[in-house]
Amino acid sequence: MSSAKVLFGFHAVGVRVKTAPQSIVEIYVDPSRRDARMRQFVQRAQEAGLRLIEADGMRLAKLAGSHGHQGVAARVNPIAQVHSLDDLLDSLPADQPTLILVLDGVTDPHNLGACLRVADGAGAHCVIAPKDHAAGINATVAKVASGAAETVPYFMVTNLARTLNELKERNIWVIGTSDQATHDVYQVDLKGPVALVLGAEGAGMRQLTSKTCDQLVRIPMQGAVESLNVSVASGVCLYEALRQRKTG
């Protein structure tokens, strides 16, 4: 029980109910919430044979560490994950081009959660970040990720530049984003194995990370703002890769 963690919000808990109900210790629901969404959620949990406990908003907020729990929280045991990046890459089908999102310096849990959600939606195989310049997975990340924190492997590596070089040794093309680049993301071939590298909003990638990339591209900006939020930029790049793979 000591290894259990808390998930909260309909999406985060709902995905766990759907994908790994056996890992759920117990679910807490606010009995004062009687709307259709709550009724449907409770029905799915009951059908899965899960233990439901009534808890008021104050107790839920204390469990979740946030008032954004939507009336739902769950104590869950960890799901067995792929142990290493190498294990994941070795397990990918040969006919499926690798698609990786690399985040350099993204320390805000809301941004990380949104990036994981985008990565899941676009079919990225994993997200990579440096241990000393990144947010870890916590309840806030899981809530914002809407379940993607459970489905997208997230690897925090000791040396990001070395990891990028190891990806290159596997013939994965490492493409970084920079407003100083001369080519737009829409002008490069993303159909093969690629790792898309994005830095934190404003600061961008660190210099060593940028130098390690095979190629730099930019997202064209037509208005007055100079940059996009990193999760939005991730979506632009990942979905361009997805578009090319579906049409090419």
C-alpha atoms as a PDB file:
ATOM      1  CA  MET A   1       0.000   0.000   0.000  1.00  0.00           C
ATOM      2  CA  SER A   2       2.900   2.350   0.598  1.00  0.00           C
ATOM      3  CA  SER A   3       3.690   2.391  -3.114  1.00  0.00           C
ATOM      4  CA  ALA A   4       0.163   3.541  -4.034  1.00  0.00           C
ATOM      5  CA  LYS A   5      -0.269   6.999  -5.547  1.00  0.00           C
ATOM      6  CA  VAL A   6      -3.279   9.238  -6.117  1.00  0.00           C
ATOM      7  CA  LEU A   7      -4.887  10.061  -9.444  1.00  0.00           C
ATOM      8  CA  PHE A   8      -7.703  12.592  -9.681  1.00  0.00           C
ATOM      9  CA  GLY A   9     -10.140  13.928 -12.254  1.00  0.00           C
ATOM     10  CA  PHE A  10     -12.492  12.025 -14.561  1.00  0.00           C
ATOM     11  CA  HIS A  11     -10.004  11.556 -17.400  1.00  0.00           C
ATOM     12  CA  ALA A  12      -7.042  10.377 -15.359  1.00  0.00           C
ATOM     13  CA  VAL A  13      -9.043   7.986 -13.187  1.00  0.00           C
ATOM     14  CA  GLY A  14     -11.290   6.925 -16.062  1.00  0.00           C
ATOM     15  CA  VAL A  15      -8.366   5.836 -18.232  1.00  0.00           C
ATOM     16  CA  ARG A  16      -7.002   3.759 -15.346  1.00  0.00           C
ATOM     17  CA  VAL A  17     -10.426   2.131 -14.868  1.00  0.00           C
ATOM     18  CA  LYS A  18     -10.477   1.307 -18.568  1.00  0.00           C
ATOM     19  CA  THR A  19      -6.878   0.133 -19.037  1.00  0.00           C
ATOM     20  CA  ALA A  20      -5.781  -1.309 -15.685  1.00  0.00           C
ATOM     21  CA  PRO A  21      -8.652  -1.681 -13.208  1.00  0.00           C
ATOM     22  CA  GLN A  22      -6.721  -4.335 -11.279  1.00  0.00           C
ATOM     23  CA  SER A  23      -4.241  -1.653 -10.213  1.00  0.00           C
ATOM     24  CA  ILE A  24      -6.888   0.470  -8.466  1.00  0.00           C
ATOM     25  CA  VAL A  25      -6.984   0.161  -4.684  1.00  0.00           C
ATOM     26  CA  GLU A  26     -10.070   2.328  -4.144  1.00  0.00           C
ATOM     27  CA  ILE A  27     -11.941   5.208  -5.726  1.00  0.00           C
ATOM     28  CA  TYR A  28     -13.285   8.220  -3.829  1.00  0.00           C
ATOM     29  CA  VAL A  29     -16.321  10.061  -5.179  1.00  0.00           C
ATOM     30  CA  ASP A  30     -18.179  13.137  -3.982  1.00  0.00           C
ATOM     31  CA  PRO A  31     -21.777  12.031  -3.174  1.00  0.00           C
ATOM     32  CA  SER A  32     -23.047  15.585  -3.636  1.00  0.00           C
ATOM     33  CA  ARG A  33     -22.242  15.397  -7.333  1.00  0.00           C
ATOM     34  CA  ARG A  34     -25.155  13.608  -9.007  1.00  0.00           C
ATOM     35  CA  ASP A  35     -24.856  14.734 -12.645  1.00  0.00           C
ATOM     36  CA  ALA A  36     -24.812  12.396 -15.644  1.00  0.00           C
ATOM     37  CA  ARG A  37     -21.033  12.367 -15.918  1.00  0.00           C
ATOM     38  CA  MET A  38     -20.648  11.193 -12.331  1.00  0.00           C
ATOM     39  CA  ARG A  39     -23.419   8.597 -12.697  1.00  0.00           C
ATOM     40  CA  GLN A  40     -21.753   7.152 -15.799  1.00  0.00           C
ATOM     41  CA  PHE A  41     -18.367   7.085 -14.098  1.00  0.00           C
ATOM     42  CA  VAL A  42     -19.741   5.329 -11.009  1.00  0.00           C
ATOM     43  CA  GLN A  43     -21.505   2.786 -13.204  1.00  0.00           C
ATOM     44  CA  ARG A  44     -18.268   1.945 -15.061  1.00  0.00           C
ATOM     45  CA  ALA A  45     -16.385   1.614 -11.778  1.00  0.00           C
ATOM     46  CA  GLN A  46     -19.068  -0.662 -10.332  1.00  0.00           C
ATOM     47  CA  GLU A  47     -19.099  -2.807 -13.467  1.00  0.00           C
ATOM     48  CA  ALA A  48     -15.340  -3.201 -13.059  1.00  0.00           C
ATOM     49  CA  GLY A  49     -15.910  -4.417  -9.484  1.00  0.00           C
ATOM     50  CA  LEU A  50     -13.988  -1.534  -7.923  1.00  0.00           C
ATOM     51  CA  ARG A  51     -14.303  -0.303  -4.356  1.00  0.00           C
ATOM     52  CA  LEU A  52     -16.073   3.064  -4.144  1.00  0.00           C
ATOM     53  CA  ILE A  53     -15.835   5.326  -1.108  1.00  0.00           C
ATOM     54  CA  GLU A  54     -17.869   8.478  -0.592  1.00  0.00           C
ATOM     55  CA  ALA A  55     -15.782  11.535   0.298  1.00  0.00           C
ATOM     56  CA  ASP A  56     -16.671  15.212   0.509  1.00  0.00           C
ATOM     57  CA  GLY A  57     -14.876  17.919  -1.446  1.00  0.00           C
ATOM     58  CA  MET A  58     -12.535  18.781   1.402  1.00  0.00           C
ATOM     59  CA  ARG A  59     -11.310  15.199   1.792  1.00  0.00           C
ATOM     60  CA  LEU A  60     -10.910  14.851  -1.973  1.00  0.00           C
ATOM     61  CA  ALA A  61      -8.887  18.069  -2.139  1.00  0.00           C
ATOM     62  CA  LYS A  62      -6.639  16.791   0.632  1.00  0.00           C
ATOM     63  CA  LEU A  63      -6.152  13.452  -1.152  1.00  0.00           C
ATOM     64  CA  ALA A  64      -5.482  15.058  -4.535  1.00  0.00           C
ATOM     65  CA  GLY A  65      -3.488  18.019  -3.271  1.00  0.00           C
ATOM     66  CA  SER A  66      -5.687  20.127  -5.528  1.00  0.00           C
ATOM     67  CA  HIS A  67      -9.217  21.499  -5.712  1.00  0.00           C
ATOM     68  CA  GLY A  68      -9.385  20.461  -9.396  1.00  0.00           C
ATOM     69  CA  HIS A  69     -10.402  16.888  -8.573  1.00  0.00           C
ATOM     70  CA  GLN A  70     -13.879  17.151 -10.196  1.00  0.00           C
ATOM     71  CA  GLY A  71     -15.279  15.016  -7.375  1.00  0.00           C
ATOM     72  CA  VAL A  72     -13.175  11.947  -8.232  1.00  0.00           C
ATOM     73  CA  ALA A  73      -9.887  10.589  -6.900  1.00  0.00           C
ATOM     74  CA  ALA A  74      -8.323   7.135  -6.735  1.00  0.00           C
ATOM     75  CA  ARG A  75      -5.528   5.394  -4.888  1.00  0.00           C
ATOM     76  CA  VAL A  76      -3.695   3.231  -7.397  1.00  0.00           C
ATOM     77  CA  ASN A  77      -0.717   0.916  -7.480  1.00  0.00           C
ATOM     78  CA  PRO A  78       2.000   1.496 -10.103  1.00  0.00           C
ATOM     79  CA  ILE A  79       1.597  -0.163 -13.481  1.00  0.00           C
ATOM     80  CA  ALA A  80       4.575  -2.096 -14.751  1.00  0.00           C
ATOM     81  CA  GLN A  81       6.335   0.096 -17.296  1.00  0.00           C
ATOM     82  CA  VAL A  82       8.981  -0.517 -19.908  1.00  0.00           C
ATOM     83  CA  HIS A  83      12.186  -0.488 -17.870  1.00  0.00           C
ATOM     84  CA  SER A  84      14.379   1.514 -20.230  1.00  0.00           C
ATOM     85  CA  LEU A  85      14.411   3.538 -23.415  1.00  0.00           C
ATOM     86  CA  ASP A  86      16.517   0.838 -25.072  1.00  0.00           C
ATOM     87  CA  ASP A  87      13.924  -1.809 -24.169  1.00  0.00           C
ATOM     88  CA  LEU A  88      11.182   0.316 -25.705  1.00  0.00           C
ATOM     89  CA  LEU A  89      13.090   1.020 -28.913  1.00  0.00           C
ATOM     90  CA  ASP A  90      14.070  -2.631 -29.271  1.00  0.00           C
ATOM     91  CA  SER A  91      10.416  -3.656 -28.981  1.00  0.00           C
ATOM     92  CA  LEU A  92       9.068  -1.390 -31.745  1.00  0.00           C
ATOM     93  CA  PRO A  93       7.974  -3.068 -34.996  1.00  0.00           C
ATOM     94  CA  ALA A  94      10.523  -2.671 -37.782  1.00  0.00           C
ATOM     95  CA  ASP A  95       7.869  -1.301 -40.157  1.00  0.00           C
ATOM     96  CA  GLN A  96       6.736   1.407 -37.706  1.00  0.00           C
ATOM     97  CA  PRO A  97       8.872   4.577 -37.921  1.00  0.00           C
ATOM     98  CA  THR A  98       9.883   5.803 -34.491  1.00  0.00           C
ATOM     99  CA  LEU A  99       8.293   9.048 -33.286  1.00  0.00           C
ATOM    100  CA  ILE A 100       9.709  10.552 -30.104  1.00  0.00           C
ATOM    101  CA  LEU A 101       9.065  13.836 -28.322  1.00  0.00           C
ATOM    102  CA  VAL A 102      12.037  15.267 -26.407  1.00  0.00           C
ATOM    103  CA  LEU A 103      11.465  18.090 -23.917  1.00  0.00           C
ATOM    104  CA  ASP A 104      14.433  20.157 -22.766  1.00  0.00           C
ATOM    105  CA  GLY A 105      13.762  22.373 -19.755  1.00  0.00           C
ATOM    106  CA  VAL A 106      10.001  21.888 -19.377  1.00  0.00           C
ATOM    107  CA  THR A 107       9.574  22.180 -15.613  1.00  0.00           C
ATOM    108  CA  ASP A 108       5.920  23.199 -15.334  1.00  0.00           C
ATOM    109  CA  PRO A 109       3.705  20.168 -14.556  1.00  0.00           C
ATOM    110  CA  HIS A 110       0.769  21.623 -16.479  1.00  0.00           C
ATOM    111  CA  ASN A 111       2.913  21.960 -19.601  1.00  0.00           C
ATOM    112  CA  LEU A 112       4.269  18.437 -19.176  1.00  0.00           C
ATOM    113  CA  GLY A 113       0.788  17.018 -18.754  1.00  0.00           C
ATOM    114  CA  ALA A 114      -0.402  18.797 -21.893  1.00  0.00           C
ATOM    115  CA  CYS A 115       2.648  17.548 -23.832  1.00  0.00           C
ATOM    116  CA  LEU A 116       1.960  13.961 -22.768  1.00  0.00           C
ATOM    117  CA  ARG A 117      -1.644  14.317 -23.909  1.00  0.00           C
ATOM    118  CA  VAL A 118      -0.526  15.603 -27.314  1.00  0.00           C
ATOM    119  CA  ALA A 119       2.088  12.839 -27.582  1.00  0.00           C
ATOM    120  CA  ASP A 120      -0.552  10.195 -26.907  1.00  0.00           C
ATOM    121  CA  GLY A 121      -2.928  11.713 -29.440  1.00  0.00           C
ATOM    122  CA  ALA A 122      -0.304  11.849 -32.184  1.00  0.00           C
ATOM    123  CA  GLY A 123       0.936   8.327 -31.501  1.00  0.00           C
ATOM    124  CA  ALA A 124       4.406   9.201 -30.187  1.00  0.00           C
ATOM    125  CA  HIS A 125       6.202   6.179 -28.777  1.00  0.00           C
ATOM    126  CA  CYS A 126       7.625   8.012 -25.767  1.00  0.00           C
ATOM    127  CA  VAL A 127       8.628  11.333 -24.258  1.00  0.00           C
ATOM    128  CA  ILE A 128      12.187  11.979 -23.070  1.00  0.00           C
ATOM    129  CA  ALA A 129      13.411  14.697 -20.700  1.00  0.00           C
ATOM    130  CA  PRO A 130      16.575  15.396 -18.682  1.00  0.00           C
ATOM    131  CA  LYS A 131      16.405  14.536 -14.977  1.00  0.00           C
ATOM    132  CA  ASP A 132      17.761  17.895 -13.835  1.00  0.00           C
ATOM    133  CA  HIS A 133      15.741  20.190 -16.108  1.00  0.00           C
ATOM    134  CA  ALA A 134      12.254  18.693 -16.129  1.00  0.00           C
ATOM    135  CA  ALA A 135       9.056  18.106 -14.210  1.00  0.00           C
ATOM    136  CA  GLY A 136       8.405  14.592 -12.971  1.00  0.00           C
ATOM    137  CA  ILE A 137       5.116  12.751 -13.113  1.00  0.00           C
ATOM    138  CA  ASN A 138       2.831  13.788 -10.263  1.00  0.00           C
ATOM    139  CA  ALA A 139      -0.912  14.044  -9.664  1.00  0.00           C
ATOM    140  CA  THR A 140      -1.155  17.416 -11.432  1.00  0.00           C
ATOM    141  CA  VAL A 141       0.637  16.069 -14.508  1.00  0.00           C
ATOM    142  CA  ALA A 142      -1.645  13.026 -14.545  1.00  0.00           C
ATOM    143  CA  LYS A 143      -4.753  15.226 -14.267  1.00  0.00           C
ATOM    144  CA  VAL A 144      -3.726  17.554 -17.106  1.00  0.00           C
ATOM    145  CA  ALA A 145      -2.564  14.628 -19.252  1.00  0.00           C
ATOM    146  CA  SER A 146      -6.108  13.193 -19.110  1.00  0.00           C
ATOM    147  CA  GLY A 147      -4.841   9.624 -18.901  1.00  0.00           C
ATOM    148  CA  ALA A 148      -1.822   9.976 -21.178  1.00  0.00           C
ATOM    149  CA  ALA A 149       0.565   9.794 -18.217  1.00  0.00           C
ATOM    150  CA  GLU A 150      -0.561   6.159 -18.001  1.00  0.00           C
ATOM    151  CA  THR A 151      -0.140   5.359 -21.700  1.00  0.00           C
ATOM    152  CA  VAL A 152       2.935   7.281 -22.905  1.00  0.00           C
ATOM    153  CA  PRO A 153       6.313   6.116 -21.526  1.00  0.00           C
ATOM    154  CA  TYR A 154       8.192   9.044 -19.960  1.00  0.00           C
ATOM    155  CA  PHE A 155      11.940   8.626 -19.608  1.00  0.00           C
ATOM    156  CA  MET A 156      14.025  11.039 -17.540  1.00  0.00           C
ATOM    157  CA  VAL A 157      17.668  10.663 -18.582  1.00  0.00           C
ATOM    158  CA  THR A 158      20.856  11.740 -16.846  1.00  0.00           C
ATOM    159  CA  ASN A 159      22.565  13.187 -19.926  1.00  0.00           C
ATOM    160  CA  LEU A 160      20.215  14.415 -22.653  1.00  0.00           C
ATOM    161  CA  ALA A 161      22.930  15.107 -25.243  1.00  0.00           C
ATOM    162  CA  ARG A 162      24.308  11.595 -24.838  1.00  0.00           C
ATOM    163  CA  THR A 163      20.810  10.128 -25.193  1.00  0.00           C
ATOM    164  CA  LEU A 164      20.247  12.112 -28.384  1.00  0.00           C
ATOM    165  CA  ASN A 165      23.513  10.766 -29.774  1.00  0.00           C
ATOM    166  CA  GLU A 166      22.378   7.248 -28.901  1.00  0.00           C
ATOM    167  CA  LEU A 167      19.150   7.865 -30.820  1.00  0.00           C
ATOM    168  CA  LYS A 168      21.202   9.002 -33.796  1.00  0.00           C
ATOM    169  CA  GLU A 169      23.190   5.759 -33.618  1.00  0.00           C
ATOM    170  CA  ARG A 170      19.860   3.992 -34.112  1.00  0.00           C
ATOM    171  CA  ASN A 171      19.301   6.055 -37.292  1.00  0.00           C
ATOM    172  CA  ILE A 172      16.692   8.248 -35.625  1.00  0.00           C
ATOM    173  CA  TRP A 173      16.897  11.754 -37.083  1.00  0.00           C
ATOM    174  CA  VAL A 174      17.018  14.343 -34.275  1.00  0.00           C
ATOM    175  CA  ILE A 175      15.178  17.542 -35.199  1.00  0.00           C
ATOM    176  CA  GLY A 176      15.180  20.524 -32.863  1.00  0.00           C
ATOM    177  CA  THR A 177      12.952  23.571 -32.952  1.00  0.00           C
ATOM    178  CA  SER A 178      14.403  27.074 -32.997  1.00  0.00           C
ATOM    179  CA  ASP A 179      13.094  30.442 -34.130  1.00  0.00           C
ATOM    180  CA  GLN A 180      16.540  30.979 -35.693  1.00  0.00           C
ATOM    181  CA  ALA A 181      16.160  28.025 -38.091  1.00  0.00           C
ATOM    182  CA  THR A 182      15.897  28.689 -41.812  1.00  0.00           C
ATOM    183  CA  HIS A 183      13.432  25.887 -42.656  1.00  0.00           C
ATOM    184  CA  ASP A 184       9.848  25.524 -41.470  1.00  0.00           C
ATOM    185  CA  VAL A 185       8.742  22.265 -39.867  1.00  0.00           C
ATOM    186  CA  TYR A 186       6.442  21.818 -42.877  1.00  0.00           C
ATOM    187  CA  GLN A 187       9.452  21.755 -45.242  1.00  0.00           C
ATOM    188  CA  VAL A 188      11.270  18.771 -43.734  1.00  0.00           C
ATOM    189  CA  ASP A 189      10.666  15.048 -44.154  1.00  0.00           C
ATOM    190  CA  LEU A 190       9.192  13.603 -40.953  1.00  0.00           C
ATOM    191  CA  LYS A 191       8.062  10.274 -42.393  1.00  0.00           C
ATOM    192  CA  GLY A 192      11.117   8.336 -41.187  1.00  0.00           C
ATOM    193  CA  PRO A 193      12.274   7.676 -37.611  1.00  0.00           C
ATOM    194  CA  VAL A 194      12.469  11.074 -35.870  1.00  0.00           C
ATOM    195  CA  ALA A 195      12.908  12.604 -32.438  1.00  0.00           C
ATOM    196  CA  LEU A 196      11.415  16.092 -32.196  1.00  0.00           C
ATOM    197  CA  VAL A 197      13.166  18.262 -29.608  1.00  0.00           C
ATOM    198  CA  LEU A 198      11.451  21.253 -28.021  1.00  0.00           C
ATOM    199  CA  GLY A 199      12.679  23.599 -25.331  1.00  0.00           C
ATOM    200  CA  ALA A 200      10.815  25.500 -22.683  1.00  0.00           C
ATOM    201  CA  GLU A 201       8.756  28.474 -23.787  1.00  0.00           C
ATOM    202  CA  GLY A 202      10.966  31.558 -24.001  1.00  0.00           C
ATOM    203  CA  ALA A 203      14.292  29.967 -23.093  1.00  0.00           C
ATOM    204  CA  GLY A 204      14.162  27.303 -25.798  1.00  0.00           C
ATOM    205  CA  MET A 205      16.614  24.421 -25.946  1.00  0.00           C
ATOM    206  CA  ARG A 206      19.909  24.574 -24.142  1.00  0.00           C
ATOM    207  CA  GLN A 207      22.922  25.276 -26.355  1.00  0.00           C
ATOM    208  CA  LEU A 208      24.397  21.775 -26.102  1.00  0.00           C
ATOM    209  CA  THR A 209      21.019  20.220 -26.926  1.00  0.00           C
ATOM    210  CA  SER A 210      20.712  22.452 -29.968  1.00  0.00           C
ATOM    211  CA  LYS A 211      24.215  21.574 -31.178  1.00  0.00           C
ATOM    212  CA  THR A 212      23.469  17.868 -30.829  1.00  0.00           C
ATOM    213  CA  CYS A 213      20.449  18.010 -33.169  1.00  0.00           C
ATOM    214  CA  ASP A 214      20.855  16.845 -36.757  1.00  0.00           C
ATOM    215  CA  GLN A 215      18.650  19.670 -37.993  1.00  0.00           C
ATOM    216  CA  LEU A 216      16.809  22.716 -36.693  1.00  0.00           C
ATOM    217  CA  VAL A 217      13.382  23.825 -37.879  1.00  0.00           C
ATOM    218  CA  ARG A 218      11.039  26.625 -36.920  1.00  0.00           C
ATOM    219  CA  ILE A 219       7.306  26.965 -36.547  1.00  0.00           C
ATOM    220  CA  PRO A 220       6.250  29.943 -38.691  1.00  0.00           C
ATOM    221  CA  MET A 221       4.738  32.746 -36.630  1.00  0.00           C
ATOM    222  CA  GLN A 222       2.472  35.143 -38.540  1.00  0.00           C
ATOM    223  CA  GLY A 223       1.229  37.358 -35.716  1.00  0.00           C
ATOM    224  CA  ALA A 224       2.700  39.552 -33.019  1.00  0.00           C
ATOM    225  CA  VAL A 225       3.645  36.860 -30.478  1.00  0.00           C
ATOM    226  CA  GLU A 226       7.138  35.415 -30.752  1.00  0.00           C
ATOM    227  CA  SER A 227       6.555  31.859 -29.545  1.00  0.00           C
ATOM    228  CA  LEU A 228       3.956  29.225 -28.733  1.00  0.00           C
ATOM    229  CA  ASN A 229       3.397  27.371 -25.504  1.00  0.00           C
ATOM    230  CA  VAL A 230       5.538  24.215 -25.589  1.00  0.00           C
ATOM    231  CA  SER A 231       2.512  21.899 -25.586  1.00  0.00           C
ATOM    232  CA  VAL A 232       1.002  23.742 -28.559  1.00  0.00           C
ATOM    233  CA  ALA A 233       4.364  23.649 -30.367  1.00  0.00           C
ATOM    234  CA  SER A 234       4.626  19.929 -29.609  1.00  0.00           C
ATOM    235  CA  GLY A 235       1.193  19.435 -31.135  1.00  0.00           C
ATOM    236  CA  VAL A 236       2.138  21.336 -34.288  1.00  0.00           C
ATOM    237  CA  CYS A 237       5.288  19.252 -34.811  1.00  0.00           C
ATOM    238  CA  LEU A 238       3.920  15.837 -33.844  1.00  0.00           C
ATOM    239  CA  TYR A 239       0.781  16.196 -35.905  1.00  0.00           C
ATOM    240  CA  GLU A 240       2.768  17.367 -38.922  1.00  0.00           C
ATOM    241  CA  ALA A 241       4.753  14.123 -38.605  1.00  0.00           C
ATOM    242  CA  LEU A 242       1.483  12.188 -38.322  1.00  0.00           C
ATOM    243  CA  ARG A 243       0.018  13.992 -41.346  1.00  0.00           C
ATOM    244  CA  GLN A 244       3.070  13.198 -43.476  1.00  0.00           C
ATOM    245  CA  ARG A 245       2.998   9.541 -42.460  1.00  0.00           C
ATOM    246  CA  LYS A 246      -0.683   9.206 -43.313  1.00  0.00           C
ATOM    247  CA  THR A 247      -0.438  10.971 -46.667  1.00  0.00           C
ATOM    248  CA  GLY A 248       3.027   9.884 -47.790  1.00  0.00           C
END
